[in-house]
Amino acid sequence: MSERVEKQWKDKGLAAYSTSAIIGTLNHYGVKLDEPALKAAAADRSPLELAGEWGRTWKGTGQFAAFPYAAANELIARLFPERPTPMRVAQNLLELIAQGLRVASGQPGDLGPAYATFEKFVPNLPAVGERRDAFLQELVSFIESWARPFNELPTQLAKAGKKEDALRFATVQETLFTDREGCVKALVRAETGEREAAITELDAWAADTSREVFKRYSALDALYQLQAWGGIKAAGLSVFDVAAAQEKWTLADSVAHLLAHMVQASGADKTYAQQVEQRLELAHRHSGGHHHH
């Protein structure tokens, strides 16, 4: 009888078991493959894709119902140690968040080691496009409950006078979420003595019709965080209209809500406010009215 993983695997963690025991368990519950076949199958698939494939023949229940995804994560980490999986990157981000929160609140903390780990992942991240989008979707599911500190820490660190740590954290965000490139660092710069220069740059990016619409939205969002209303008023309706023309309704809805919040916060003339309201209604019709901003 081949080697297998015990029922207590969730408590112990799969790192405690041999590769042959993990593969033996996959075989036992309906996934027929050996190590060479596994290596070939995993070469260009994410853990989620691999687990989805295995799920079609999976017979495990109870303690073993969730085994395919855990096994895919563990085996890919062993077979391709240089490849960052969403789970490994998420664990790294959670360590960065933990250290960042300490530093921002004036406690002893050090982002250096976690940041060095992240830098090793960077060359092997999936290329920007569909592969990166799928990777990020899986990654975000792991850090969802920590999304707020993840998003806010660059600014918090900057406000705490930790500019270098703030820029490091901004680099992590911009490397993963390439739509934010430049925008997170602009927020840090705005908090550390370069507010006018940062706002001027963000205004230009939001208005630049040659820029990809998600990148223009990131600039609007950064301006919103800085309460720099001029650039949003100048470019916001145009960004919405491009998103709507491309039928990116979730994004269009986010833009419309951002504009509505800006009108509430800063005031606007009646015509502009009506134009925002019309776009909000249009976005709601197409996206079910979910609040994204």
Protein backbone atom coordinates (compact mmCIF):
# COMPACT_ATOMS: atom_id res chain seq x y z
CA MET A 1 0.00 0.00 0.00
CA SER A 2 1.40 3.39 -0.96
CA GLU A 3 2.33 5.99 1.62
CA ARG A 4 -0.49 8.42 2.47
CA VAL A 5 -1.28 11.50 4.53
CA GLU A 6 -3.23 11.02 7.81
CA LYS A 7 -6.58 12.56 8.72
CA GLN A 8 -4.79 15.04 11.01
CA TRP A 9 -3.01 16.68 8.06
CA LYS A 10 -4.75 20.03 8.58
CA ASP A 11 -3.42 20.30 12.14
CA LYS A 12 0.09 19.17 11.24
CA GLY A 13 0.35 21.00 7.90
CA LEU A 14 1.42 19.29 4.67
CA ALA A 15 5.03 20.39 5.14
CA ALA A 16 5.27 17.54 7.67
CA TYR A 17 4.63 14.88 4.99
CA SER A 18 6.75 13.48 2.19
CA THR A 19 6.04 14.22 -1.46
CA SER A 20 5.26 10.55 -2.06
CA ALA A 21 2.69 10.60 0.80
CA ILE A 22 0.94 13.63 -0.71
CA ILE A 23 0.93 12.07 -4.20
CA GLY A 24 -0.19 8.75 -2.68
CA THR A 25 -3.18 10.53 -1.10
CA LEU A 26 -4.05 12.20 -4.40
CA ASN A 27 -3.91 8.78 -6.11
CA HIS A 28 -6.06 7.16 -3.40
CA TYR A 29 -8.86 9.72 -3.80
CA GLY A 30 -9.02 9.68 -7.58
CA VAL A 31 -6.15 11.75 -9.04
CA LYS A 32 -3.92 9.38 -11.00
CA LEU A 33 -0.45 10.86 -11.44
CA ASP A 34 3.18 10.31 -10.42
CA GLU A 35 5.93 12.87 -9.74
CA PRO A 36 7.03 13.39 -13.40
CA ALA A 37 3.39 13.79 -14.50
CA LEU A 38 2.79 16.20 -11.63
CA LYS A 39 5.84 18.29 -12.59
CA ALA A 40 4.60 18.51 -16.19
CA ALA A 41 1.04 19.41 -15.14
CA ALA A 42 2.17 22.04 -12.63
CA ALA A 43 4.72 23.71 -14.92
CA ASP A 44 2.30 26.34 -16.23
CA ARG A 45 -0.65 26.13 -13.84
CA SER A 46 -1.44 27.95 -10.62
CA PRO A 47 -2.41 25.97 -7.48
CA LEU A 48 -6.05 26.99 -8.05
CA GLU A 49 -6.02 25.77 -11.67
CA LEU A 50 -4.34 22.50 -10.71
CA ALA A 51 -6.76 21.89 -7.84
CA GLY A 52 -9.70 22.69 -10.14
CA GLU A 53 -8.47 20.06 -12.60
CA TRP A 54 -8.04 17.47 -9.84
CA GLY A 55 -11.46 18.33 -8.41
CA ARG A 56 -13.16 16.74 -11.43
CA THR A 57 -12.18 13.22 -10.29
CA TRP A 58 -11.77 13.91 -6.55
CA LYS A 59 -13.52 11.44 -4.21
CA GLY A 60 -12.21 12.74 -0.88
CA THR A 61 -14.77 14.01 1.65
CA GLY A 62 -14.67 15.30 5.24
CA GLN A 63 -11.08 16.04 6.26
CA PHE A 64 -9.96 15.41 2.68
CA ALA A 65 -12.53 17.56 0.83
CA ALA A 66 -10.16 20.55 0.73
CA PHE A 67 -7.01 18.47 0.16
CA PRO A 68 -6.43 19.17 -3.58
CA TYR A 69 -5.79 22.90 -3.16
CA ALA A 70 -3.52 22.44 -0.13
CA ALA A 71 -1.65 19.66 -1.97
CA ALA A 72 -1.26 21.77 -5.13
CA ASN A 73 0.19 24.64 -3.07
CA GLU A 74 2.61 22.43 -1.19
CA LEU A 75 3.77 20.43 -4.22
CA ILE A 76 4.32 23.47 -6.43
CA ALA A 77 6.38 25.08 -3.64
CA ARG A 78 8.53 21.91 -3.48
CA LEU A 79 8.89 21.26 -7.21
CA PHE A 80 9.40 24.92 -8.17
CA PRO A 81 10.96 26.56 -5.10
CA GLU A 82 11.73 29.74 -7.07
CA ARG A 83 8.09 30.21 -8.11
CA PRO A 84 5.97 32.50 -5.94
CA THR A 85 2.51 31.03 -5.37
CA PRO A 86 -0.35 33.30 -4.27
CA MET A 87 -0.26 31.68 -0.81
CA ARG A 88 3.49 32.23 -0.38
CA VAL A 89 3.22 35.86 -1.49
CA ALA A 90 0.20 36.35 0.81
CA GLN A 91 2.19 35.01 3.79
CA ASN A 92 4.99 37.44 2.89
CA LEU A 93 2.52 40.35 2.63
CA LEU A 94 0.99 39.50 6.02
CA GLU A 95 4.48 39.66 7.56
CA LEU A 96 5.08 43.03 5.84
CA ILE A 97 1.73 44.30 7.16
CA ALA A 98 2.53 43.09 10.70
CA GLN A 99 5.93 44.80 10.67
CA GLY A 100 4.52 47.92 8.99
CA LEU A 101 1.78 48.32 11.61
CA ARG A 102 4.40 48.08 14.37
CA VAL A 103 6.64 50.67 12.77
CA ALA A 104 3.73 53.04 12.00
CA SER A 105 2.56 52.91 15.62
CA GLY A 106 6.04 53.64 17.00
CA GLN A 107 6.82 50.09 18.16
CA PRO A 108 10.02 48.20 17.25
CA GLY A 109 9.63 46.59 13.83
CA ASP A 110 11.70 45.81 10.75
CA LEU A 111 10.32 45.54 7.21
CA GLY A 112 13.76 44.66 5.84
CA PRO A 113 13.67 40.83 5.95
CA ALA A 114 10.11 40.54 4.61
CA TYR A 115 10.86 43.10 1.90
CA ALA A 116 14.00 41.15 0.88
CA THR A 117 11.85 38.01 0.55
CA PHE A 118 9.37 39.91 -1.64
CA GLU A 119 12.17 41.16 -3.89
CA LYS A 120 13.23 37.54 -4.52
CA PHE A 121 9.68 36.75 -5.70
CA VAL A 122 9.50 39.65 -8.16
CA PRO A 123 11.45 38.19 -11.14
CA ASN A 124 9.22 35.09 -11.10
CA LEU A 125 5.82 36.76 -10.78
CA PRO A 126 3.46 35.98 -13.69
CA ALA A 127 3.66 38.41 -16.59
CA VAL A 128 1.12 41.25 -16.59
CA GLY A 129 -2.06 40.12 -18.33
CA GLU A 130 -4.44 37.21 -17.77
CA ARG A 131 -1.90 35.15 -15.79
CA ARG A 132 -1.19 38.05 -13.43
CA ASP A 133 -4.92 38.78 -13.04
CA ALA A 134 -5.63 35.16 -12.04
CA PHE A 135 -2.65 35.20 -9.64
CA LEU A 136 -3.85 38.43 -8.00
CA GLN A 137 -7.42 37.18 -7.67
CA GLU A 138 -6.14 34.17 -5.73
CA LEU A 139 -3.72 36.34 -3.72
CA VAL A 140 -6.43 38.85 -2.74
CA SER A 141 -8.62 36.03 -1.39
CA PHE A 142 -5.89 35.30 1.19
CA ILE A 143 -5.35 38.89 2.34
CA GLU A 144 -8.92 40.18 1.98
CA SER A 145 -9.41 40.73 5.71
CA TRP A 146 -6.14 42.73 5.79
CA ALA A 147 -6.90 44.78 2.66
CA ARG A 148 -7.40 48.02 4.56
CA PRO A 149 -4.02 48.09 6.38
CA PHE A 150 -2.33 46.81 3.20
CA ASN A 151 -3.75 49.75 1.23
CA GLU A 152 -3.26 52.39 3.94
CA LEU A 153 0.19 51.52 5.29
CA PRO A 154 2.30 53.54 2.80
CA THR A 155 0.47 56.70 3.87
CA GLN A 156 0.48 55.73 7.57
CA LEU A 157 4.22 55.06 7.51
CA ALA A 158 4.82 58.37 5.71
CA LYS A 159 2.74 60.25 8.31
CA ALA A 160 4.79 58.53 11.05
CA GLY A 161 7.96 59.97 9.50
CA LYS A 162 9.14 56.61 8.11
CA LYS A 163 9.58 57.65 4.49
CA GLU A 164 11.94 54.82 3.48
CA ASP A 165 9.60 52.14 4.88
CA ALA A 166 6.65 53.92 3.26
CA LEU A 167 8.35 53.87 -0.15
CA ARG A 168 9.23 50.18 0.29
CA PHE A 169 5.61 49.35 1.02
CA ALA A 170 4.51 51.50 -1.93
CA THR A 171 6.91 49.58 -4.18
CA VAL A 172 5.35 46.27 -3.10
CA GLN A 173 1.86 47.54 -3.96
CA GLU A 174 2.90 48.99 -7.31
CA THR A 175 4.88 45.88 -8.29
CA LEU A 176 1.91 43.57 -7.72
CA PHE A 177 -0.88 45.91 -8.83
CA THR A 178 0.74 47.58 -11.84
CA ASP A 179 -2.28 49.87 -12.41
CA ARG A 180 -1.16 51.75 -9.27
CA GLU A 181 2.35 52.38 -10.60
CA GLY A 182 3.59 55.78 -9.44
CA CYS A 183 0.34 56.59 -7.62
CA VAL A 184 1.17 55.00 -4.26
CA LYS A 185 4.61 56.62 -4.23
CA ALA A 186 2.91 59.93 -5.07
CA LEU A 187 0.78 59.53 -1.91
CA VAL A 188 3.97 58.98 0.12
CA ARG A 189 5.65 61.99 -1.49
CA ALA A 190 2.59 64.15 -0.78
CA GLU A 191 2.90 63.26 2.93
CA THR A 192 6.65 63.91 3.05
CA GLY A 193 7.03 67.45 1.74
CA GLU A 194 6.26 67.10 -1.98
CA ARG A 195 2.47 67.54 -1.97
CA GLU A 196 2.20 70.03 -4.84
CA ALA A 197 4.59 68.12 -7.13
CA ALA A 198 2.81 64.82 -6.40
CA ILE A 199 -0.64 66.31 -7.08
CA THR A 200 0.56 67.90 -10.34
CA GLU A 201 1.81 64.48 -11.50
CA LEU A 202 -1.41 62.70 -10.47
CA ASP A 203 -3.53 65.38 -12.20
CA ALA A 204 -1.58 64.78 -15.42
CA TRP A 205 -1.96 60.99 -15.20
CA ALA A 206 -5.71 61.20 -14.54
CA ALA A 207 -6.15 63.51 -17.56
CA ASP A 208 -3.88 61.57 -19.95
CA THR A 209 -6.20 59.90 -22.49
CA SER A 210 -3.33 57.75 -23.81
CA ARG A 211 -3.08 56.00 -20.42
CA GLU A 212 -4.91 52.74 -19.77
CA VAL A 213 -8.21 53.51 -18.00
CA PHE A 214 -7.41 51.51 -14.83
CA LYS A 215 -4.21 53.55 -14.43
CA ARG A 216 -6.17 56.78 -14.83
CA TYR A 217 -8.59 55.58 -12.15
CA SER A 218 -5.66 54.85 -9.79
CA ALA A 219 -4.54 58.47 -10.21
CA LEU A 220 -8.10 59.68 -9.45
CA ASP A 221 -8.21 57.47 -6.36
CA ALA A 222 -4.88 58.86 -5.10
CA LEU A 223 -6.14 62.41 -5.66
CA TYR A 224 -9.30 61.54 -3.74
CA GLN A 225 -7.21 60.32 -0.80
CA LEU A 226 -5.32 63.62 -0.88
CA GLN A 227 -8.60 65.58 -1.15
CA ALA A 228 -7.11 67.25 -4.23
CA TRP A 229 -10.43 67.90 -5.95
CA GLY A 230 -9.30 69.98 -8.96
CA GLY A 231 -7.77 67.11 -10.95
CA ILE A 232 -10.72 64.83 -10.18
CA LYS A 233 -13.23 67.44 -11.38
CA ALA A 234 -11.18 68.02 -14.54
CA ALA A 235 -10.69 64.35 -15.53
CA GLY A 236 -13.24 62.25 -13.64
CA LEU A 237 -16.15 62.37 -16.11
CA SER A 238 -13.78 61.48 -18.96
CA VAL A 239 -12.40 58.47 -17.05
CA PHE A 240 -15.95 57.25 -16.40
CA ASP A 241 -16.90 57.67 -20.07
CA VAL A 242 -13.88 55.64 -21.26
CA ALA A 243 -14.67 52.85 -18.77
CA ALA A 244 -18.32 52.85 -19.90
CA ALA A 245 -17.35 52.81 -23.60
CA GLN A 246 -15.15 49.78 -22.89
CA GLU A 247 -18.03 48.19 -20.91
CA LYS A 248 -15.87 47.96 -17.78
CA TRP A 249 -18.90 48.54 -15.59
CA THR A 250 -17.38 47.59 -12.23
CA LEU A 251 -14.67 50.18 -12.83
CA ALA A 252 -17.19 52.73 -14.15
CA ASP A 253 -19.24 52.21 -10.98
CA SER A 254 -16.16 52.83 -8.83
CA VAL A 255 -15.43 56.06 -10.74
CA ALA A 256 -19.04 57.23 -10.41
CA HIS A 257 -19.05 56.64 -6.64
CA LEU A 258 -15.72 58.44 -6.27
CA LEU A 259 -17.14 61.43 -8.15
CA ALA A 260 -20.33 61.41 -6.07
CA HIS A 261 -18.30 61.38 -2.83
CA MET A 262 -16.18 64.23 -4.15
CA VAL A 263 -19.27 66.31 -4.97
CA GLN A 264 -20.57 65.70 -1.44
CA ALA A 265 -17.22 66.57 0.15
CA SER A 266 -16.25 69.61 -1.93
CA GLY A 267 -19.39 70.87 -3.60
CA ALA A 268 -19.83 71.39 -7.34
CA ASP A 269 -22.01 73.46 -9.62
CA LYS A 270 -25.44 72.10 -10.46
CA THR A 271 -24.58 71.01 -14.01
CA TYR A 272 -21.54 69.00 -12.88
CA ALA A 273 -23.48 67.39 -10.03
CA GLN A 274 -26.22 66.36 -12.50
CA GLN A 275 -23.64 64.84 -14.85
CA VAL A 276 -22.23 62.79 -11.97
CA GLU A 277 -25.74 61.68 -10.97
CA GLN A 278 -26.52 60.56 -14.55
CA ARG A 279 -23.34 58.48 -14.67
CA LEU A 280 -24.06 56.95 -11.27
CA GLU A 281 -27.48 55.84 -12.51
CA LEU A 282 -25.97 54.45 -15.73
CA ALA A 283 -23.34 52.49 -13.76
CA HIS A 284 -26.01 51.12 -11.41
CA ARG A 285 -28.10 49.88 -14.33
CA HIS A 286 -25.15 47.93 -15.70
CA SER A 287 -23.47 46.71 -12.51
CA GLY A 288 -26.32 46.04 -10.12
CA GLY A 289 -25.59 49.12 -8.04
CA HIS A 290 -22.72 47.68 -6.01
CA HIS A 291 -20.62 50.20 -4.14
CA HIS A 292 -16.96 49.71 -5.12
CA HIS A 293 -15.13 52.82 -3.93
